[in-house]
Amino acid sequence: AVVSLEGAANSHAAILARALGIPAIMGAQLKP
C-alpha cells in the first residue's frame, strides 16, 4: 500500500494506484 503526506484523492497518482489495485491514502497527517 502507499501513504502520501500530500496530494489529493483524484490525482493521477491516486488514479494509477486504483488501477493497479494498490490501497492508497493521501494527505495523511502524521510524522513519518
ModelCIF file with pLDDT and N, C-alpha, C, O atoms, coordinates in Angstrom:
data_MODEL
#
_entry.id   MODEL 
#
_entity.id                         1 
_entity.type                       polymer 
_entity.pdbx_number_of_molecules   1 
#
_entity_poly.entity_id                      1 
_entity_poly.type                           'polypeptide(L)' 
_entity_poly.nstd_linkage                   no 
_entity_poly.nstd_monomer                   no 
_entity_poly.pdbx_seq_one_letter_code       AVVSLEGAANSHAAILARALGIPAIMGAQLKP 
_entity_poly.pdbx_seq_one_letter_code_can   AVVSLEGAANSHAAILARALGIPAIMGAQLKP 
_entity_poly.pdbx_strand_id                 A 
#
loop_
_entity_poly_seq.entity_id 
_entity_poly_seq.num 
_entity_poly_seq.mon_id 
_entity_poly_seq.hetero 
1 1  ALA n 
1 2  VAL n 
1 3  VAL n 
1 4  SER n 
1 5  LEU n 
1 6  GLU n 
1 7  GLY n 
1 8  ALA n 
1 9  ALA n 
1 10 ASN n 
1 11 SER n 
1 12 HIS n 
1 13 ALA n 
1 14 ALA n 
1 15 ILE n 
1 16 LEU n 
1 17 ALA n 
1 18 ARG n 
1 19 ALA n 
1 20 LEU n 
1 21 GLY n 
1 22 ILE n 
1 23 PRO n 
1 24 ALA n 
1 25 ILE n 
1 26 MET n 
1 27 GLY n 
1 28 ALA n 
1 29 GLN n 
1 30 LEU n 
1 31 LYS n 
1 32 PRO n 
#
_struct_asym.id          A 
_struct_asym.entity_id   1 
#
loop_
_ma_qa_metric.id 
_ma_qa_metric.mode 
_ma_qa_metric.name 
_ma_qa_metric.software_group_id 
_ma_qa_metric.type 
1 global pLDDT . pLDDT 
2 local  pLDDT . pLDDT 
#
_ma_qa_metric_global.metric_id      1 
_ma_qa_metric_global.metric_value   80.84 
_ma_qa_metric_global.model_id       1 
_ma_qa_metric_global.ordinal_id     1 
#
loop_
_ma_qa_metric_local.label_asym_id 
_ma_qa_metric_local.label_comp_id 
_ma_qa_metric_local.label_seq_id 
_ma_qa_metric_local.metric_id 
_ma_qa_metric_local.metric_value 
_ma_qa_metric_local.model_id 
_ma_qa_metric_local.ordinal_id 
A ALA 1  2 93.00 1 1  
A VAL 2  2 93.00 1 2  
A VAL 3  2 93.00 1 3  
A SER 4  2 90.00 1 4  
A LEU 5  2 88.00 1 5  
A GLU 6  2 82.00 1 6  
A GLY 7  2 75.00 1 7  
A ALA 8  2 72.00 1 8  
A ALA 9  2 71.00 1 9  
A ASN 10 2 64.00 1 10 
A SER 11 2 70.00 1 11 
A HIS 12 2 69.00 1 12 
A ALA 13 2 78.00 1 13 
A ALA 14 2 79.00 1 14 
A ILE 15 2 73.00 1 15 
A LEU 16 2 77.00 1 16 
A ALA 17 2 83.00 1 17 
A ARG 18 2 78.00 1 18 
A ALA 19 2 70.00 1 19 
A LEU 20 2 77.00 1 20 
A GLY 21 2 79.00 1 21 
A ILE 22 2 88.00 1 22 
A PRO 23 2 91.00 1 23 
A ALA 24 2 92.00 1 24 
A ILE 25 2 92.00 1 25 
A MET 26 2 88.00 1 26 
A GLY 27 2 85.00 1 27 
A ALA 28 2 85.00 1 28 
A GLN 29 2 76.00 1 29 
A LEU 30 2 79.00 1 30 
A LYS 31 2 77.00 1 31 
A PRO 32 2 80.00 1 32 
#
loop_
_atom_site.group_PDB 
_atom_site.id 
_atom_site.type_symbol 
_atom_site.label_atom_id 
_atom_site.label_alt_id 
_atom_site.label_comp_id 
_atom_site.label_asym_id 
_atom_site.label_entity_id 
_atom_site.label_seq_id 
_atom_site.pdbx_PDB_ins_code 
_atom_site.Cartn_x 
_atom_site.Cartn_y 
_atom_site.Cartn_z 
_atom_site.occupancy 
_atom_site.B_iso_or_equiv 
_atom_site.pdbx_formal_charge 
_atom_site.auth_seq_id 
_atom_site.auth_comp_id 
_atom_site.auth_asym_id 
_atom_site.auth_atom_id 
_atom_site.pdbx_PDB_model_num 
ATOM 1   N N  . ALA A 1 1  ? 0.860  -1.185 0.000   1.00 93.00 ? 1  ALA A N  1 
ATOM 2   C CA . ALA A 1 1  ? 0.000  0.000  0.000   1.00 93.00 ? 1  ALA A CA 1 
ATOM 3   C C  . ALA A 1 1  ? 0.890  1.226  0.000   1.00 93.00 ? 1  ALA A C  1 
ATOM 4   O O  . ALA A 1 1  ? 2.100  1.124  0.203   1.00 93.00 ? 1  ALA A O  1 
ATOM 5   N N  . VAL A 1 2  ? 0.289  2.389  -0.229  1.00 93.00 ? 2  VAL A N  1 
ATOM 6   C CA . VAL A 1 2  ? 1.048  3.637  -0.201  1.00 93.00 ? 2  VAL A CA 1 
ATOM 7   C C  . VAL A 1 2  ? 0.320  4.667  0.661   1.00 93.00 ? 2  VAL A C  1 
ATOM 8   O O  . VAL A 1 2  ? -0.909 4.739  0.671   1.00 93.00 ? 2  VAL A O  1 
ATOM 9   N N  . VAL A 1 3  ? 1.110  5.462  1.384   1.00 93.00 ? 3  VAL A N  1 
ATOM 10  C CA . VAL A 1 3  ? 0.597  6.566  2.194   1.00 93.00 ? 3  VAL A CA 1 
ATOM 11  C C  . VAL A 1 3  ? 1.356  7.814  1.763   1.00 93.00 ? 3  VAL A C  1 
ATOM 12  O O  . VAL A 1 3  ? 2.587  7.829  1.770   1.00 93.00 ? 3  VAL A O  1 
ATOM 13  N N  . SER A 1 4  ? 0.628  8.854  1.391   1.00 90.00 ? 4  SER A N  1 
ATOM 14  C CA . SER A 1 4  ? 1.256  10.102 0.957   1.00 90.00 ? 4  SER A CA 1 
ATOM 15  C C  . SER A 1 4  ? 0.875  11.226 1.907   1.00 90.00 ? 4  SER A C  1 
ATOM 16  O O  . SER A 1 4  ? -0.300 11.404 2.227   1.00 90.00 ? 4  SER A O  1 
ATOM 17  N N  . LEU A 1 5  ? 1.864  11.981 2.356   1.00 88.00 ? 5  LEU A N  1 
ATOM 18  C CA . LEU A 1 5  ? 1.598  13.086 3.274   1.00 88.00 ? 5  LEU A CA 1 
ATOM 19  C C  . LEU A 1 5  ? 0.906  14.243 2.570   1.00 88.00 ? 5  LEU A C  1 
ATOM 20  O O  . LEU A 1 5  ? 0.194  15.026 3.198   1.00 88.00 ? 5  LEU A O  1 
ATOM 21  N N  . GLU A 1 6  ? 1.117  14.346 1.273   1.00 82.00 ? 6  GLU A N  1 
ATOM 22  C CA . GLU A 1 6  ? 0.491  15.408 0.486   1.00 82.00 ? 6  GLU A CA 1 
ATOM 23  C C  . GLU A 1 6  ? -0.294 14.764 -0.657  1.00 82.00 ? 6  GLU A C  1 
ATOM 24  O O  . GLU A 1 6  ? -0.274 13.545 -0.832  1.00 82.00 ? 6  GLU A O  1 
ATOM 25  N N  . GLY A 1 7  ? -0.981 15.598 -1.425  1.00 75.00 ? 7  GLY A N  1 
ATOM 26  C CA . GLY A 1 7  ? -1.680 15.079 -2.584  1.00 75.00 ? 7  GLY A CA 1 
ATOM 27  C C  . GLY A 1 7  ? -3.172 14.924 -2.347  1.00 75.00 ? 7  GLY A C  1 
ATOM 28  O O  . GLY A 1 7  ? -3.664 15.082 -1.230  1.00 75.00 ? 7  GLY A O  1 
ATOM 29  N N  . ALA A 1 8  ? -3.880 14.608 -3.429  1.00 72.00 ? 8  ALA A N  1 
ATOM 30  C CA . ALA A 1 8  ? -5.333 14.541 -3.400  1.00 72.00 ? 8  ALA A CA 1 
ATOM 31  C C  . ALA A 1 8  ? -5.828 13.179 -3.866  1.00 72.00 ? 8  ALA A C  1 
ATOM 32  O O  . ALA A 1 8  ? -5.111 12.422 -4.521  1.00 72.00 ? 8  ALA A O  1 
ATOM 33  N N  . ALA A 1 9  ? -7.068 12.893 -3.510  1.00 71.00 ? 9  ALA A N  1 
ATOM 34  C CA . ALA A 1 9  ? -7.630 11.572 -3.783  1.00 71.00 ? 9  ALA A CA 1 
ATOM 35  C C  . ALA A 1 9  ? -7.897 11.332 -5.261  1.00 71.00 ? 9  ALA A C  1 
ATOM 36  O O  . ALA A 1 9  ? -8.098 10.188 -5.670  1.00 71.00 ? 9  ALA A O  1 
ATOM 37  N N  . ASN A 1 10 ? -7.902 12.390 -6.073  1.00 64.00 ? 10 ASN A N  1 
ATOM 38  C CA . ASN A 1 10 ? -8.131 12.205 -7.502  1.00 64.00 ? 10 ASN A CA 1 
ATOM 39  C C  . ASN A 1 10 ? -6.942 12.661 -8.337  1.00 64.00 ? 10 ASN A C  1 
ATOM 40  O O  . ASN A 1 10 ? -7.102 12.977 -9.516  1.00 64.00 ? 10 ASN A O  1 
ATOM 41  N N  . SER A 1 11 ? -5.763 12.698 -7.749  1.00 70.00 ? 11 SER A N  1 
ATOM 42  C CA . SER A 1 11 ? -4.563 12.972 -8.526  1.00 70.00 ? 11 SER A CA 1 
ATOM 43  C C  . SER A 1 11 ? -4.305 11.781 -9.435  1.00 70.00 ? 11 SER A C  1 
ATOM 44  O O  . SER A 1 11 ? -4.835 10.694 -9.209  1.00 70.00 ? 11 SER A O  1 
ATOM 45  N N  . HIS A 1 12 ? -3.500 11.985 -10.451 1.00 69.00 ? 12 HIS A N  1 
ATOM 46  C CA . HIS A 1 12 ? -3.220 10.881 -11.362 1.00 69.00 ? 12 HIS A CA 1 
ATOM 47  C C  . HIS A 1 12 ? -2.478 9.748  -10.669 1.00 69.00 ? 12 HIS A C  1 
ATOM 48  O O  . HIS A 1 12 ? -2.627 8.587  -11.048 1.00 69.00 ? 12 HIS A O  1 
ATOM 49  N N  . ALA A 1 13 ? -1.686 10.073 -9.664  1.00 78.00 ? 13 ALA A N  1 
ATOM 50  C CA . ALA A 1 13 ? -1.008 9.017  -8.911  1.00 78.00 ? 13 ALA A CA 1 
ATOM 51  C C  . ALA A 1 13 ? -2.031 8.160  -8.176  1.00 78.00 ? 13 ALA A C  1 
ATOM 52  O O  . ALA A 1 13 ? -1.906 6.936  -8.133  1.00 78.00 ? 13 ALA A O  1 
ATOM 53  N N  . ALA A 1 14 ? -3.048 8.806  -7.597  1.00 79.00 ? 14 ALA A N  1 
ATOM 54  C CA . ALA A 1 14 ? -4.101 8.065  -6.901  1.00 79.00 ? 14 ALA A CA 1 
ATOM 55  C C  . ALA A 1 14 ? -4.907 7.224  -7.885  1.00 79.00 ? 14 ALA A C  1 
ATOM 56  O O  . ALA A 1 14 ? -5.278 6.090  -7.582  1.00 79.00 ? 14 ALA A O  1 
ATOM 57  N N  . ILE A 1 15 ? -5.175 7.780  -9.056  1.00 73.00 ? 15 ILE A N  1 
ATOM 58  C CA . ILE A 1 15 ? -5.907 7.038  -10.084 1.00 73.00 ? 15 ILE A CA 1 
ATOM 59  C C  . ILE A 1 15 ? -5.117 5.815  -10.519 1.00 73.00 ? 15 ILE A C  1 
ATOM 60  O O  . ILE A 1 15 ? -5.683 4.738  -10.708 1.00 73.00 ? 15 ILE A O  1 
ATOM 61  N N  . LEU A 1 16 ? -3.816 5.980  -10.678 1.00 77.00 ? 16 LEU A N  1 
ATOM 62  C CA . LEU A 1 16 ? -2.962 4.860  -11.066 1.00 77.00 ? 16 LEU A CA 1 
ATOM 63  C C  . LEU A 1 16 ? -2.943 3.800  -9.961  1.00 77.00 ? 16 LEU A C  1 
ATOM 64  O O  . LEU A 1 16 ? -2.965 2.604  -10.250 1.00 77.00 ? 16 LEU A O  1 
ATOM 65  N N  . ALA A 1 17 ? -2.903 4.232  -8.705  1.00 83.00 ? 17 ALA A N  1 
ATOM 66  C CA . ALA A 1 17 ? -2.937 3.279  -7.587  1.00 83.00 ? 17 ALA A CA 1 
ATOM 67  C C  . ALA A 1 17 ? -4.221 2.460  -7.628  1.00 83.00 ? 17 ALA A C  1 
ATOM 68  O O  . ALA A 1 17 ? -4.199 1.251  -7.398  1.00 83.00 ? 17 ALA A O  1 
ATOM 69  N N  . ARG A 1 18 ? -5.347 3.122  -7.924  1.00 78.00 ? 18 ARG A N  1 
ATOM 70  C CA . ARG A 1 18 ? -6.615 2.398  -8.016  1.00 78.00 ? 18 ARG A CA 1 
ATOM 71  C C  . ARG A 1 18 ? -6.574 1.386  -9.154  1.00 78.00 ? 18 ARG A C  1 
ATOM 72  O O  . ARG A 1 18 ? -7.034 0.253  -9.012  1.00 78.00 ? 18 ARG A O  1 
ATOM 73  N N  . ALA A 1 19 ? -6.014 1.813  -10.288 1.00 70.00 ? 19 ALA A N  1 
ATOM 74  C CA . ALA A 1 19 ? -5.949 0.920  -11.442 1.00 70.00 ? 19 ALA A CA 1 
ATOM 75  C C  . ALA A 1 19 ? -5.068 -0.294 -11.169 1.00 70.00 ? 19 ALA A C  1 
ATOM 76  O O  . ALA A 1 19 ? -5.331 -1.382 -11.683 1.00 70.00 ? 19 ALA A O  1 
ATOM 77  N N  . LEU A 1 20 ? -4.035 -0.114 -10.370 1.00 77.00 ? 20 LEU A N  1 
ATOM 78  C CA . LEU A 1 20 ? -3.121 -1.209 -10.043 1.00 77.00 ? 20 LEU A CA 1 
ATOM 79  C C  . LEU A 1 20 ? -3.611 -2.038 -8.862  1.00 77.00 ? 20 LEU A C  1 
ATOM 80  O O  . LEU A 1 20 ? -3.023 -3.067 -8.528  1.00 77.00 ? 20 LEU A O  1 
ATOM 81  N N  . GLY A 1 21 ? -4.699 -1.580 -8.229  1.00 79.00 ? 21 GLY A N  1 
ATOM 82  C CA . GLY A 1 21 ? -5.225 -2.307 -7.088  1.00 79.00 ? 21 GLY A CA 1 
ATOM 83  C C  . GLY A 1 21 ? -4.391 -2.147 -5.837  1.00 79.00 ? 21 GLY A C  1 
ATOM 84  O O  . GLY A 1 21 ? -4.355 -3.046 -4.997  1.00 79.00 ? 21 GLY A O  1 
ATOM 85  N N  . ILE A 1 22 ? -3.715 -1.006 -5.697  1.00 88.00 ? 22 ILE A N  1 
ATOM 86  C CA . ILE A 1 22 ? -2.866 -0.750 -4.528  1.00 88.00 ? 22 ILE A CA 1 
ATOM 87  C C  . ILE A 1 22 ? -3.610 0.175  -3.562  1.00 88.00 ? 22 ILE A C  1 
ATOM 88  O O  . ILE A 1 22 ? -3.918 1.307  -3.937  1.00 88.00 ? 22 ILE A O  1 
ATOM 89  N N  . PRO A 1 23 ? -3.908 -0.254 -2.348  1.00 91.00 ? 23 PRO A N  1 
ATOM 90  C CA . PRO A 1 23 ? -4.558 0.639  -1.382  1.00 91.00 ? 23 PRO A CA 1 
ATOM 91  C C  . PRO A 1 23 ? -3.728 1.908  -1.183  1.00 91.00 ? 23 PRO A C  1 
ATOM 92  O O  . PRO A 1 23 ? -2.504 1.843  -1.068  1.00 91.00 ? 23 PRO A O  1 
ATOM 93  N N  . ALA A 1 24 ? -4.395 3.055  -1.144  1.00 92.00 ? 24 ALA A N  1 
ATOM 94  C CA . ALA A 1 24 ? -3.659 4.318  -1.027  1.00 92.00 ? 24 ALA A CA 1 
ATOM 95  C C  . ALA A 1 24 ? -4.413 5.310  -0.159  1.00 92.00 ? 24 ALA A C  1 
ATOM 96  O O  . ALA A 1 24 ? -5.640 5.401  -0.211  1.00 92.00 ? 24 ALA A O  1 
ATOM 97  N N  . ILE A 1 25 ? -3.655 6.052  0.642   1.00 92.00 ? 25 ILE A N  1 
ATOM 98  C CA . ILE A 1 25 ? -4.200 7.129  1.469   1.00 92.00 ? 25 ILE A CA 1 
ATOM 99  C C  . ILE A 1 25 ? -3.387 8.382  1.190   1.00 92.00 ? 25 ILE A C  1 
ATOM 100 O O  . ILE A 1 25 ? -2.158 8.348  1.233   1.00 92.00 ? 25 ILE A O  1 
ATOM 101 N N  . MET A 1 26 ? -4.064 9.489  0.904   1.00 88.00 ? 26 MET A N  1 
ATOM 102 C CA . MET A 1 26 ? -3.405 10.743 0.580   1.00 88.00 ? 26 MET A CA 1 
ATOM 103 C C  . MET A 1 26 ? -3.643 11.753 1.706   1.00 88.00 ? 26 MET A C  1 
ATOM 104 O O  . MET A 1 26 ? -4.598 11.639 2.475   1.00 88.00 ? 26 MET A O  1 
ATOM 105 N N  . GLY A 1 27 ? -2.750 12.743 1.781   1.00 85.00 ? 27 GLY A N  1 
ATOM 106 C CA . GLY A 1 27 ? -2.917 13.824 2.749   1.00 85.00 ? 27 GLY A CA 1 
ATOM 107 C C  . GLY A 1 27 ? -2.926 13.354 4.190   1.00 85.00 ? 27 GLY A C  1 
ATOM 108 O O  . GLY A 1 27 ? -3.650 13.906 5.019   1.00 85.00 ? 27 GLY A O  1 
ATOM 109 N N  . ALA A 1 28 ? -2.128 12.338 4.500   1.00 85.00 ? 28 ALA A N  1 
ATOM 110 C CA . ALA A 1 28 ? -2.092 11.799 5.866   1.00 85.00 ? 28 ALA A CA 1 
ATOM 111 C C  . ALA A 1 28 ? -1.398 12.763 6.811   1.00 85.00 ? 28 ALA A C  1 
ATOM 112 O O  . ALA A 1 28 ? -0.308 13.253 6.515   1.00 85.00 ? 28 ALA A O  1 
ATOM 113 N N  . GLN A 1 29 ? -2.023 13.036 7.945   1.00 76.00 ? 29 GLN A N  1 
ATOM 114 C CA . GLN A 1 29 ? -1.468 13.951 8.931   1.00 76.00 ? 29 GLN A CA 1 
ATOM 115 C C  . GLN A 1 29 ? -0.687 13.146 9.980   1.00 76.00 ? 29 GLN A C  1 
ATOM 116 O O  . GLN A 1 29 ? -1.259 12.692 10.971  1.00 76.00 ? 29 GLN A O  1 
ATOM 117 N N  . LEU A 1 30 ? 0.597  12.977 9.760   1.00 79.00 ? 30 LEU A N  1 
ATOM 118 C CA . LEU A 1 30 ? 1.411  12.204 10.692  1.00 79.00 ? 30 LEU A CA 1 
ATOM 119 C C  . LEU A 1 30 ? 2.876  12.581 10.562  1.00 79.00 ? 30 LEU A C  1 
ATOM 120 O O  . LEU A 1 30 ? 3.273  13.255 9.611   1.00 79.00 ? 30 LEU A O  1 
ATOM 121 N N  . LYS A 1 31 ? 3.669  12.144 11.516  1.00 77.00 ? 31 LYS A N  1 
ATOM 122 C CA . LYS A 1 31 ? 5.118  12.333 11.467  1.00 77.00 ? 31 LYS A CA 1 
ATOM 123 C C  . LYS A 1 31 ? 5.732  11.040 10.956  1.00 77.00 ? 31 LYS A C  1 
ATOM 124 O O  . LYS A 1 31 ? 5.763  10.051 11.689  1.00 77.00 ? 31 LYS A O  1 
ATOM 125 N N  . PRO A 1 32 ? 6.218  11.017 9.728   1.00 80.00 ? 32 PRO A N  1 
ATOM 126 C CA . PRO A 1 32 ? 6.652  9.760  9.114   1.00 80.00 ? 32 PRO A CA 1 
ATOM 127 C C  . PRO A 1 32 ? 7.831  9.093  9.794   1.00 80.00 ? 32 PRO A C  1 
ATOM 128 O O  . PRO A 1 32 ? 8.276  8.032  9.358   1.00 80.00 ? 32 PRO A O  1 
#
